Amino acid sequence: MPLTQLKIIPWDKNEAPTENEIAQILRAENLSYYPWSNSPNDLYAPHLHAYDKILYAVRGSITFILPNTDKTLTLHAGDRLELPANTVHSAVVGSRGVTCFEAHV
């Protein structure tokens, strides 16, 4: 089912999740995912994707900037971002770097 709105779902437990916990969530939704990482303070220029994506921060943090709405959204370990296709965004990686799991829907 296509994503209709941008949504962030914060991790709701006191302890940060393990990679396995996040992987289990994605597998339970029948989503194929892949990991990626960035170094501290890496930048992504504004861009968009032709597909919907779900992104979980596994370690570290990343801030997404949405220039069309003047919003910023920061993901920390366990937080989930649901990003509809064609949403213009840029990103700044936090000072400790970031590792994420990404699935396309």
PDB file of N, CA and C in Angstrom:
ATOM      1  N   MET A   1       0.850  -1.179   0.000  1.00  0.00           N
ATOM      2  CA  MET A   1       0.000   0.000   0.000  1.00  0.00           C
ATOM      3  C   MET A   1       0.896   1.242   0.000  1.00  0.00           C
ATOM      4  N   PRO A   2       0.655   2.179  -0.906  1.00  0.00           N
ATOM      5  CA  PRO A   2       1.495   3.374  -0.969  1.00  0.00           C
ATOM      6  C   PRO A   2       1.360   4.239   0.289  1.00  0.00           C
ATOM      7  N   LEU A   3       2.461   4.896   0.619  1.00  0.00           N
ATOM      8  CA  LEU A   3       2.438   5.839   1.738  1.00  0.00           C
ATOM      9  C   LEU A   3       1.761   7.119   1.271  1.00  0.00           C
ATOM     10  N   THR A   4       0.893   7.665   2.104  1.00  0.00           N
ATOM     11  CA  THR A   4       0.162   8.869   1.713  1.00  0.00           C
ATOM     12  C   THR A   4       0.647  10.118   2.426  1.00  0.00           C
ATOM     13  N   GLN A   5       1.355   9.937   3.538  1.00  0.00           N
ATOM     14  CA  GLN A   5       1.857  11.108   4.256  1.00  0.00           C
ATOM     15  C   GLN A   5       3.182  10.785   4.945  1.00  0.00           C
ATOM     16  N   LEU A   6       3.974  11.792   5.105  1.00  0.00           N
ATOM     17  CA  LEU A   6       5.227  11.667   5.821  1.00  0.00           C
ATOM     18  C   LEU A   6       4.917  11.454   7.295  1.00  0.00           C
ATOM     19  N   LYS A   7       5.604  10.489   7.893  1.00  0.00           N
ATOM     20  CA  LYS A   7       5.315  10.179   9.287  1.00  0.00           C
ATOM     21  C   LYS A   7       6.604   9.751   9.979  1.00  0.00           C
ATOM     22  N   ILE A   8       6.784  10.207  11.204  1.00  0.00           N
ATOM     23  CA  ILE A   8       7.873   9.724  12.048  1.00  0.00           C
ATOM     24  C   ILE A   8       7.225   9.020  13.237  1.00  0.00           C
ATOM     25  N   ILE A   9       7.746   7.836  13.525  1.00  0.00           N
ATOM     26  CA  ILE A   9       7.247   7.055  14.651  1.00  0.00           C
ATOM     27  C   ILE A   9       8.420   6.850  15.610  1.00  0.00           C
ATOM     28  N   PRO A  10       8.387   7.517  16.757  1.00  0.00           N
ATOM     29  CA  PRO A  10       9.507   7.408  17.702  1.00  0.00           C
ATOM     30  C   PRO A  10       9.570   6.022  18.343  1.00  0.00           C
ATOM     31  N   TRP A  11      10.784   5.584  18.660  1.00  0.00           N
ATOM     32  CA  TRP A  11      10.982   4.343  19.403  1.00  0.00           C
ATOM     33  C   TRP A  11      10.378   4.549  20.782  1.00  0.00           C
ATOM     34  N   ASP A  12       9.546   3.622  21.234  1.00  0.00           N
ATOM     35  CA  ASP A  12       8.795   3.853  22.462  1.00  0.00           C
ATOM     36  C   ASP A  12       9.298   3.072  23.677  1.00  0.00           C
ATOM     37  N   LYS A  13      10.500   2.535  23.594  1.00  0.00           N
ATOM     38  CA  LYS A  13      11.044   1.814  24.743  1.00  0.00           C
ATOM     39  C   LYS A  13      12.213   2.607  25.324  1.00  0.00           C
ATOM     40  N   ASN A  14      12.528   2.350  26.582  1.00  0.00           N
ATOM     41  CA  ASN A  14      13.603   3.091  27.246  1.00  0.00           C
ATOM     42  C   ASN A  14      14.980   2.766  26.696  1.00  0.00           C
ATOM     43  N   GLU A  15      15.203   1.511  26.326  1.00  0.00           N
ATOM     44  CA  GLU A  15      16.512   1.116  25.821  1.00  0.00           C
ATOM     45  C   GLU A  15      16.525   1.160  24.301  1.00  0.00           C
ATOM     46  N   ALA A  16      17.652   1.536  23.747  1.00  0.00           N
ATOM     47  CA  ALA A  16      17.797   1.555  22.288  1.00  0.00           C
ATOM     48  C   ALA A  16      17.617   0.139  21.745  1.00  0.00           C
ATOM     49  N   PRO A  17      17.068   0.017  20.546  1.00  0.00           N
ATOM     50  CA  PRO A  17      16.845  -1.311  19.977  1.00  0.00           C
ATOM     51  C   PRO A  17      18.143  -1.933  19.463  1.00  0.00           C
ATOM     52  N   THR A  18      18.100  -3.239  19.316  1.00  0.00           N
ATOM     53  CA  THR A  18      19.201  -3.936  18.651  1.00  0.00           C
ATOM     54  C   THR A  18      18.889  -3.984  17.160  1.00  0.00           C
ATOM     55  N   GLU A  19      19.919  -4.259  16.366  1.00  0.00           N
ATOM     56  CA  GLU A  19      19.692  -4.435  14.925  1.00  0.00           C
ATOM     57  C   GLU A  19      18.675  -5.540  14.693  1.00  0.00           C
ATOM     58  N   ASN A  20      18.761  -6.600  15.472  1.00  0.00           N
ATOM     59  CA  ASN A  20      17.865  -7.735  15.311  1.00  0.00           C
ATOM     60  C   ASN A  20      16.410  -7.341  15.575  1.00  0.00           C
ATOM     61  N   GLU A  21      16.163  -6.514  16.591  1.00  0.00           N
ATOM     62  CA  GLU A  21      14.793  -6.069  16.873  1.00  0.00           C
ATOM     63  C   GLU A  21      14.199  -5.309  15.684  1.00  0.00           C
ATOM     64  N   ILE A  22      14.986  -4.415  15.122  1.00  0.00           N
ATOM     65  CA  ILE A  22      14.495  -3.637  13.982  1.00  0.00           C
ATOM     66  C   ILE A  22      14.301  -4.542  12.769  1.00  0.00           C
ATOM     67  N   ALA A  23      15.235  -5.452  12.544  1.00  0.00           N
ATOM     68  CA  ALA A  23      15.106  -6.392  11.431  1.00  0.00           C
ATOM     69  C   ALA A  23      13.836  -7.226  11.570  1.00  0.00           C
ATOM     70  N   GLN A  24      13.520  -7.654  12.787  1.00  0.00           N
ATOM     71  CA  GLN A  24      12.309  -8.448  13.019  1.00  0.00           C
ATOM     72  C   GLN A  24      11.051  -7.644  12.689  1.00  0.00           C
ATOM     73  N   ILE A  25      11.044  -6.369  13.030  1.00  0.00           N
ATOM     74  CA  ILE A  25       9.890  -5.509  12.714  1.00  0.00           C
ATOM     75  C   ILE A  25       9.695  -5.435  11.202  1.00  0.00           C
ATOM     76  N   LEU A  26      10.780  -5.193  10.477  1.00  0.00           N
ATOM     77  CA  LEU A  26      10.688  -5.077   9.025  1.00  0.00           C
ATOM     78  C   LEU A  26      10.277  -6.405   8.377  1.00  0.00           C
ATOM     79  N   ARG A  27      10.842  -7.505   8.858  1.00  0.00           N
ATOM     80  CA  ARG A  27      10.472  -8.825   8.312  1.00  0.00           C
ATOM     81  C   ARG A  27       9.009  -9.147   8.603  1.00  0.00           C
ATOM     82  N   ALA A  28       8.517  -8.757   9.781  1.00  0.00           N
ATOM     83  CA  ALA A  28       7.112  -9.000  10.133  1.00  0.00           C
ATOM     84  C   ALA A  28       6.168  -8.256   9.185  1.00  0.00           C
ATOM     85  N   GLU A  29       6.654  -7.177   8.586  1.00  0.00           N
ATOM     86  CA  GLU A  29       5.871  -6.413   7.609  1.00  0.00           C
ATOM     87  C   GLU A  29       6.148  -6.876   6.184  1.00  0.00           C
ATOM     88  N   ASN A  30       6.885  -7.984   6.049  1.00  0.00           N
ATOM     89  CA  ASN A  30       7.261  -8.534   4.734  1.00  0.00           C
ATOM     90  C   ASN A  30       8.025  -7.527   3.876  1.00  0.00           C
ATOM     91  N   LEU A  31       8.889  -6.745   4.522  1.00  0.00           N
ATOM     92  CA  LEU A  31       9.686  -5.758   3.809  1.00  0.00           C
ATOM     93  C   LEU A  31      11.124  -6.240   3.673  1.00  0.00           C
ATOM     94  N   SER A  32      11.651  -6.128   2.479  1.00  0.00           N
ATOM     95  CA  SER A  32      13.074  -6.360   2.264  1.00  0.00           C
ATOM     96  C   SER A  32      13.782  -5.057   2.585  1.00  0.00           C
ATOM     97  N   TYR A  33      14.913  -5.148   3.237  1.00  0.00           N
ATOM     98  CA  TYR A  33      15.620  -3.939   3.658  1.00  0.00           C
ATOM     99  C   TYR A  33      17.115  -4.126   3.426  1.00  0.00           C
ATOM    100  N   TYR A  34      17.819  -3.024   3.479  1.00  0.00           N
ATOM    101  CA  TYR A  34      19.275  -3.063   3.401  1.00  0.00           C
ATOM    102  C   TYR A  34      19.828  -2.011   4.359  1.00  0.00           C
ATOM    103  N   PRO A  35      21.026  -2.268   4.884  1.00  0.00           N
ATOM    104  CA  PRO A  35      21.645  -1.295   5.789  1.00  0.00           C
ATOM    105  C   PRO A  35      22.498  -0.294   5.018  1.00  0.00           C
ATOM    106  N   TRP A  36      22.630   0.884   5.567  1.00  0.00           N
ATOM    107  CA  TRP A  36      23.615   1.848   5.088  1.00  0.00           C
ATOM    108  C   TRP A  36      24.068   2.699   6.266  1.00  0.00           C
ATOM    109  N   SER A  37      25.242   3.267   6.113  1.00  0.00           N
ATOM    110  CA  SER A  37      25.842   4.082   7.180  1.00  0.00           C
ATOM    111  C   SER A  37      26.488   5.318   6.591  1.00  0.00           C
ATOM    112  N   ASN A  38      26.608   6.332   7.415  1.00  0.00           N
ATOM    113  CA  ASN A  38      27.318   7.547   7.045  1.00  0.00           C
ATOM    114  C   ASN A  38      28.186   8.006   8.201  1.00  0.00           C
ATOM    115  N   SER A  39      29.214   8.725   7.857  1.00  0.00           N
ATOM    116  CA  SER A  39      30.138   9.299   8.835  1.00  0.00           C
ATOM    117  C   SER A  39      29.503  10.514   9.500  1.00  0.00           C
ATOM    118  N   PRO A  40      30.043  10.911  10.642  1.00  0.00           N
ATOM    119  CA  PRO A  40      29.540  12.097  11.323  1.00  0.00           C
ATOM    120  C   PRO A  40      29.486  13.316  10.404  1.00  0.00           C
ATOM    121  N   ASN A  41      28.395  14.045  10.509  1.00  0.00           N
ATOM    122  CA  ASN A  41      28.197  15.333   9.838  1.00  0.00           C
ATOM    123  C   ASN A  41      28.127  15.261   8.316  1.00  0.00           C
ATOM    124  N   ASP A  42      27.996  14.051   7.742  1.00  0.00           N
ATOM    125  CA  ASP A  42      27.793  13.952   6.291  1.00  0.00           C
ATOM    126  C   ASP A  42      26.512  14.682   5.905  1.00  0.00           C
ATOM    127  N   LEU A  43      26.479  15.183   4.686  1.00  0.00           N
ATOM    128  CA  LEU A  43      25.334  15.945   4.185  1.00  0.00           C
ATOM    129  C   LEU A  43      24.767  15.300   2.931  1.00  0.00           C
ATOM    130  N   TYR A  44      23.458  15.345   2.795  1.00  0.00           N
ATOM    131  CA  TYR A  44      22.776  14.974   1.555  1.00  0.00           C
ATOM    132  C   TYR A  44      22.098  16.229   1.025  1.00  0.00           C
ATOM    133  N   ALA A  45      22.356  16.559  -0.219  1.00  0.00           N
ATOM    134  CA  ALA A  45      21.707  17.709  -0.847  1.00  0.00           C
ATOM    135  C   ALA A  45      20.226  17.399  -1.073  1.00  0.00           C
ATOM    136  N   PRO A  46      19.404  18.441  -1.267  1.00  0.00           N
ATOM    137  CA  PRO A  46      17.984  18.195  -1.519  1.00  0.00           C
ATOM    138  C   PRO A  46      17.791  17.269  -2.728  1.00  0.00           C
ATOM    139  N   HIS A  47      16.898  16.302  -2.548  1.00  0.00           N
ATOM    140  CA  HIS A  47      16.590  15.339  -3.596  1.00  0.00           C
ATOM    141  C   HIS A  47      15.251  14.680  -3.285  1.00  0.00           C
ATOM    142  N   LEU A  48      14.791  13.829  -4.188  1.00  0.00           N
ATOM    143  CA  LEU A  48      13.571  13.064  -3.955  1.00  0.00           C
ATOM    144  C   LEU A  48      13.761  11.683  -4.553  1.00  0.00           C
ATOM    145  N   HIS A  49      12.840  10.778  -4.210  1.00  0.00           N
ATOM    146  CA  HIS A  49      12.872   9.418  -4.723  1.00  0.00           C
ATOM    147  C   HIS A  49      11.536   9.125  -5.402  1.00  0.00           C
ATOM    148  N   ALA A  50      11.549   8.274  -6.398  1.00  0.00           N
ATOM    149  CA  ALA A  50      10.333   7.907  -7.123  1.00  0.00           C
ATOM    150  C   ALA A  50       9.591   6.772  -6.429  1.00  0.00           C
ATOM    151  N   TYR A  51      10.012   6.404  -5.241  1.00  0.00           N
ATOM    152  CA  TYR A  51       9.402   5.300  -4.503  1.00  0.00           C
ATOM    153  C   TYR A  51       9.190   5.718  -3.053  1.00  0.00           C
ATOM    154  N   ASP A  52       8.244   5.060  -2.399  1.00  0.00           N
ATOM    155  CA  ASP A  52       8.036   5.242  -0.964  1.00  0.00           C
ATOM    156  C   ASP A  52       9.149   4.506  -0.233  1.00  0.00           C
ATOM    157  N   LYS A  53       9.575   5.061   0.900  1.00  0.00           N
ATOM    158  CA  LYS A  53      10.561   4.320   1.676  1.00  0.00           C
ATOM    159  C   LYS A  53      10.282   4.414   3.164  1.00  0.00           C
ATOM    160  N   ILE A  54      10.704   3.360   3.839  1.00  0.00           N
ATOM    161  CA  ILE A  54      10.644   3.286   5.294  1.00  0.00           C
ATOM    162  C   ILE A  54      12.081   3.191   5.771  1.00  0.00           C
ATOM    163  N   LEU A  55      12.400   4.009   6.742  1.00  0.00           N
ATOM    164  CA  LEU A  55      13.773   4.103   7.229  1.00  0.00           C
ATOM    165  C   LEU A  55      13.771   3.996   8.744  1.00  0.00           C
ATOM    166  N   TYR A  56      14.604   3.120   9.263  1.00  0.00           N
ATOM    167  CA  TYR A  56      14.819   3.012  10.709  1.00  0.00           C
ATOM    168  C   TYR A  56      16.240   3.431  11.022  1.00  0.00           C
ATOM    169  N   ALA A  57      16.417   4.296  11.998  1.00  0.00           N
ATOM    170  CA  ALA A  57      17.754   4.576  12.525  1.00  0.00           C
ATOM    171  C   ALA A  57      18.103   3.416  13.458  1.00  0.00           C
ATOM    172  N   VAL A  58      19.252   2.812  13.232  1.00  0.00           N
ATOM    173  CA  VAL A  58      19.703   1.690  14.057  1.00  0.00           C
ATOM    174  C   VAL A  58      20.671   2.189  15.122  1.00  0.00           C
ATOM    175  N   ARG A  59      21.583   3.064  14.718  1.00  0.00           N
ATOM    176  CA  ARG A  59      22.550   3.686  15.633  1.00  0.00           C
ATOM    177  C   ARG A  59      22.776   5.126  15.186  1.00  0.00           C
ATOM    178  N   GLY A  60      23.125   5.970  16.137  1.00  0.00           N
ATOM    179  CA  GLY A  60      23.421   7.359  15.811  1.00  0.00           C
ATOM    180  C   GLY A  60      22.163   8.159  15.528  1.00  0.00           C
ATOM    181  N   SER A  61      22.307   9.192  14.699  1.00  0.00           N
ATOM    182  CA  SER A  61      21.159  10.049  14.383  1.00  0.00           C
ATOM    183  C   SER A  61      21.336  10.689  13.015  1.00  0.00           C
ATOM    184  N   ILE A  62      20.212  11.106  12.457  1.00  0.00           N
ATOM    185  CA  ILE A  62      20.194  11.812  11.178  1.00  0.00           C
ATOM    186  C   ILE A  62      18.999  12.757  11.192  1.00  0.00           C
ATOM    187  N   THR A  63      19.198  13.964  10.695  1.00  0.00           N
ATOM    188  CA  THR A  63      18.135  14.967  10.632  1.00  0.00           C
ATOM    189  C   THR A  63      17.751  15.175   9.175  1.00  0.00           C
ATOM    190  N   PHE A  64      16.470  15.036   8.902  1.00  0.00           N
ATOM    191  CA  PHE A  64      15.935  15.278   7.567  1.00  0.00           C
ATOM    192  C   PHE A  64      15.346  16.676   7.527  1.00  0.00           C
ATOM    193  N   ILE A  65      15.675  17.395   6.463  1.00  0.00           N
ATOM    194  CA  ILE A  65      15.164  18.747   6.246  1.00  0.00           C
ATOM    195  C   ILE A  65      14.182  18.671   5.080  1.00  0.00           C
ATOM    196  N   LEU A  66      12.988  19.213   5.296  1.00  0.00           N
ATOM    197  CA  LEU A  66      11.940  19.201   4.279  1.00  0.00           C
ATOM    198  C   LEU A  66      11.703  20.634   3.822  1.00  0.00           C
ATOM    199  N   PRO A  67      12.410  21.053   2.775  1.00  0.00           N
ATOM    200  CA  PRO A  67      12.370  22.468   2.386  1.00  0.00           C
ATOM    201  C   PRO A  67      10.996  22.968   1.948  1.00  0.00           C
ATOM    202  N   ASN A  68      10.150  22.093   1.447  1.00  0.00           N
ATOM    203  CA  ASN A  68       8.822  22.539   0.997  1.00  0.00           C
ATOM    204  C   ASN A  68       7.870  22.816   2.149  1.00  0.00           C
ATOM    205  N   THR A  69       8.209  22.348   3.351  1.00  0.00           N
ATOM    206  CA  THR A  69       7.335  22.564   4.511  1.00  0.00           C
ATOM    207  C   THR A  69       8.058  23.262   5.664  1.00  0.00           C
ATOM    208  N   ASP A  70       9.342  23.549   5.492  1.00  0.00           N
ATOM    209  CA  ASP A  70      10.164  24.166   6.535  1.00  0.00           C
ATOM    210  C   ASP A  70      10.208  23.338   7.817  1.00  0.00           C
ATOM    211  N   LYS A  71      10.123  22.017   7.690  1.00  0.00           N
ATOM    212  CA  LYS A  71      10.199  21.132   8.845  1.00  0.00           C
ATOM    213  C   LYS A  71      11.547  20.416   8.875  1.00  0.00           C
ATOM    214  N   THR A  72      11.957  20.041  10.077  1.00  0.00           N
ATOM    215  CA  THR A  72      13.097  19.153  10.252  1.00  0.00           C
ATOM    216  C   THR A  72      12.649  18.003  11.165  1.00  0.00           C
ATOM    217  N   LEU A  73      13.156  16.817  10.878  1.00  0.00           N
ATOM    218  CA  LEU A  73      12.812  15.623  11.644  1.00  0.00           C
ATOM    219  C   LEU A  73      14.102  14.886  11.968  1.00  0.00           C
ATOM    220  N   THR A  74      14.357  14.653  13.240  1.00  0.00           N
ATOM    221  CA  THR A  74      15.574  13.948  13.634  1.00  0.00           C
ATOM    222  C   THR A  74      15.229  12.540  14.081  1.00  0.00           C
ATOM    223  N   LEU A  75      15.926  11.578  13.495  1.00  0.00           N
ATOM    224  CA  LEU A  75      15.773  10.179  13.875  1.00  0.00           C
ATOM    225  C   LEU A  75      16.928   9.771  14.767  1.00  0.00           C
ATOM    226  N   HIS A  76      16.593   9.093  15.867  1.00  0.00           N
ATOM    227  CA  HIS A  76      17.566   8.477  16.768  1.00  0.00           C
ATOM    228  C   HIS A  76      17.324   6.975  16.729  1.00  0.00           C
ATOM    229  N   ALA A  77      18.180   6.212  17.360  1.00  0.00           N
ATOM    230  CA  ALA A  77      18.082   4.747  17.312  1.00  0.00           C
ATOM    231  C   ALA A  77      16.665   4.275  17.604  1.00  0.00           C
ATOM    232  N   GLY A  78      16.118   3.507  16.675  1.00  0.00           N
ATOM    233  CA  GLY A  78      14.784   2.940  16.808  1.00  0.00           C
ATOM    234  C   GLY A  78      13.686   3.738  16.150  1.00  0.00           C
ATOM    235  N   ASP A  79      13.920   5.012  15.870  1.00  0.00           N
ATOM    236  CA  ASP A  79      12.891   5.841  15.248  1.00  0.00           C
ATOM    237  C   ASP A  79      12.680   5.425  13.797  1.00  0.00           C
ATOM    238  N   ARG A  80      11.432   5.535  13.357  1.00  0.00           N
ATOM    239  CA  ARG A  80      11.035   5.121  12.003  1.00  0.00           C
ATOM    240  C   ARG A  80      10.533   6.344  11.234  1.00  0.00           C
ATOM    241  N   LEU A  81      10.985   6.476  10.001  1.00  0.00           N
ATOM    242  CA  LEU A  81      10.510   7.518   9.099  1.00  0.00           C
ATOM    243  C   LEU A  81       9.817   6.854   7.933  1.00  0.00           C
ATOM    244  N   GLU A  82       8.591   7.277   7.654  1.00  0.00           N
ATOM    245  CA  GLU A  82       7.865   6.827   6.472  1.00  0.00           C
ATOM    246  C   GLU A  82       7.839   8.003   5.510  1.00  0.00           C
ATOM    247  N   LEU A  83       8.529   7.845   4.389  1.00  0.00           N
ATOM    248  CA  LEU A  83       8.743   8.940   3.443  1.00  0.00           C
ATOM    249  C   LEU A  83       8.064   8.616   2.115  1.00  0.00           C
ATOM    250  N   PRO A  84       6.958   9.302   1.798  1.00  0.00           N
ATOM    251  CA  PRO A  84       6.285   9.051   0.531  1.00  0.00           C
ATOM    252  C   PRO A  84       7.150   9.444  -0.670  1.00  0.00           C
ATOM    253  N   ALA A  85       6.895   8.789  -1.781  1.00  0.00           N
ATOM    254  CA  ALA A  85       7.589   9.108  -3.027  1.00  0.00           C
ATOM    255  C   ALA A  85       7.452  10.599  -3.335  1.00  0.00           C
ATOM    256  N   ASN A  86       8.480  11.131  -3.978  1.00  0.00           N
ATOM    257  CA  ASN A  86       8.500  12.513  -4.465  1.00  0.00           C
ATOM    258  C   ASN A  86       8.482  13.570  -3.369  1.00  0.00           C
ATOM    259  N   THR A  87       8.871  13.199  -2.148  1.00  0.00           N
ATOM    260  CA  THR A  87       9.008  14.167  -1.062  1.00  0.00           C
ATOM    261  C   THR A  87      10.427  14.738  -1.104  1.00  0.00           C
ATOM    262  N   VAL A  88      10.550  16.008  -1.375  1.00  0.00           N
ATOM    263  CA  VAL A  88      11.873  16.642  -1.422  1.00  0.00           C
ATOM    264  C   VAL A  88      12.426  16.704   0.002  1.00  0.00           C
ATOM    265  N   HIS A  89      13.678  16.264   0.140  1.00  0.00           N
ATOM    266  CA  HIS A  89      14.325  16.262   1.456  1.00  0.00           C
ATOM    267  C   HIS A  89      15.836  16.326   1.291  1.00  0.00           C
ATOM    268  N   SER A  90      16.484  16.835   2.309  1.00  0.00           N
ATOM    269  CA  SER A  90      17.934  16.761   2.428  1.00  0.00           C
ATOM    270  C   SER A  90      18.186  16.182   3.813  1.00  0.00           C
ATOM    271  N   ALA A  91      19.449  15.940   4.145  1.00  0.00           N
ATOM    272  CA  ALA A  91      19.719  15.339   5.449  1.00  0.00           C
ATOM    273  C   ALA A  91      21.108  15.714   5.938  1.00  0.00           C
ATOM    274  N   VAL A  92      21.241  15.734   7.264  1.00  0.00           N
ATOM    275  CA  VAL A  92      22.512  15.980   7.943  1.00  0.00           C
ATOM    276  C   VAL A  92      22.682  14.864   8.964  1.00  0.00           C
ATOM    277  N   VAL A  93      23.794  14.164   8.876  1.00  0.00           N
ATOM    278  CA  VAL A  93      24.095  13.083   9.814  1.00  0.00           C
ATOM    279  C   VAL A  93      24.589  13.686  11.123  1.00  0.00           C
ATOM    280  N   GLY A  94      24.209  13.066  12.227  1.00  0.00           N
ATOM    281  CA  GLY A  94      24.603  13.546  13.544  1.00  0.00           C
ATOM    282  C   GLY A  94      26.089  13.384  13.817  1.00  0.00           C
ATOM    283  N   SER A  95      26.534  13.920  14.929  1.00  0.00           N
ATOM    284  CA  SER A  95      27.963  13.973  15.270  1.00  0.00           C
ATOM    285  C   SER A  95      28.572  12.610  15.587  1.00  0.00           C
ATOM    286  N   ARG A  96      27.752  11.573  15.732  1.00  0.00           N
ATOM    287  CA  ARG A  96      28.267  10.221  15.989  1.00  0.00           C
ATOM    288  C   ARG A  96      28.088   9.307  14.784  1.00  0.00           C
ATOM    289  N   GLY A  97      27.690   9.873  13.648  1.00  0.00           N
ATOM    290  CA  GLY A  97      27.405   9.063  12.474  1.00  0.00           C
ATOM    291  C   GLY A  97      26.025   8.444  12.578  1.00  0.00           C
ATOM    292  N   VAL A  98      25.687   7.609  11.597  1.00  0.00           N
ATOM    293  CA  VAL A  98      24.383   6.959  11.601  1.00  0.00           C
ATOM    294  C   VAL A  98      24.469   5.646  10.838  1.00  0.00           C
ATOM    295  N   THR A  99      23.699   4.677  11.295  1.00  0.00           N
ATOM    296  CA  THR A  99      23.437   3.447  10.562  1.00  0.00           C
ATOM    297  C   THR A  99      21.928   3.312  10.489  1.00  0.00           C
ATOM    298  N   CYS A 100      21.420   3.021   9.290  1.00  0.00           N
ATOM    299  CA  CYS A 100      19.994   2.884   9.080  1.00  0.00           C
ATOM    300  C   CYS A 100      19.677   1.589   8.340  1.00  0.00           C
ATOM    301  N   PHE A 101      18.443   1.120   8.492  1.00  0.00           N
ATOM    302  CA  PHE A 101      17.877   0.066   7.654  1.00  0.00           C
ATOM    303  C   PHE A 101      16.833   0.755   6.782  1.00  0.00           C
ATOM    304  N   GLU A 102      16.877   0.478   5.479  1.00  0.00           N
ATOM    305  CA  GLU A 102      15.963   1.123   4.537  1.00  0.00           C
ATOM    306  C   GLU A 102      15.204   0.067   3.747  1.00  0.00           C
ATOM    307  N   ALA A 103      13.896   0.273   3.622  1.00  0.00           N
ATOM    308  CA  ALA A 103      13.039  -0.587   2.816  1.00  0.00           C
ATOM    309  C   ALA A 103      12.237   0.273   1.846  1.00  0.00           C
ATOM    310  N   HIS A 104      12.042  -0.235   0.662  1.00  0.00           N
ATOM    311  CA  HIS A 104      11.218   0.465  -0.327  1.00  0.00           C
ATOM    312  C   HIS A 104       9.876  -0.239  -0.391  1.00  0.00           C
ATOM    313  N   VAL A 105       8.818   0.558  -0.437  1.00  0.00           N
ATOM    314  CA  VAL A 105       7.465  -0.020  -0.502  1.00  0.00           C
ATOM    315  C   VAL A 105       6.747   0.428  -1.744  1.00  0.00           C
TER     316      VAL A 105
END
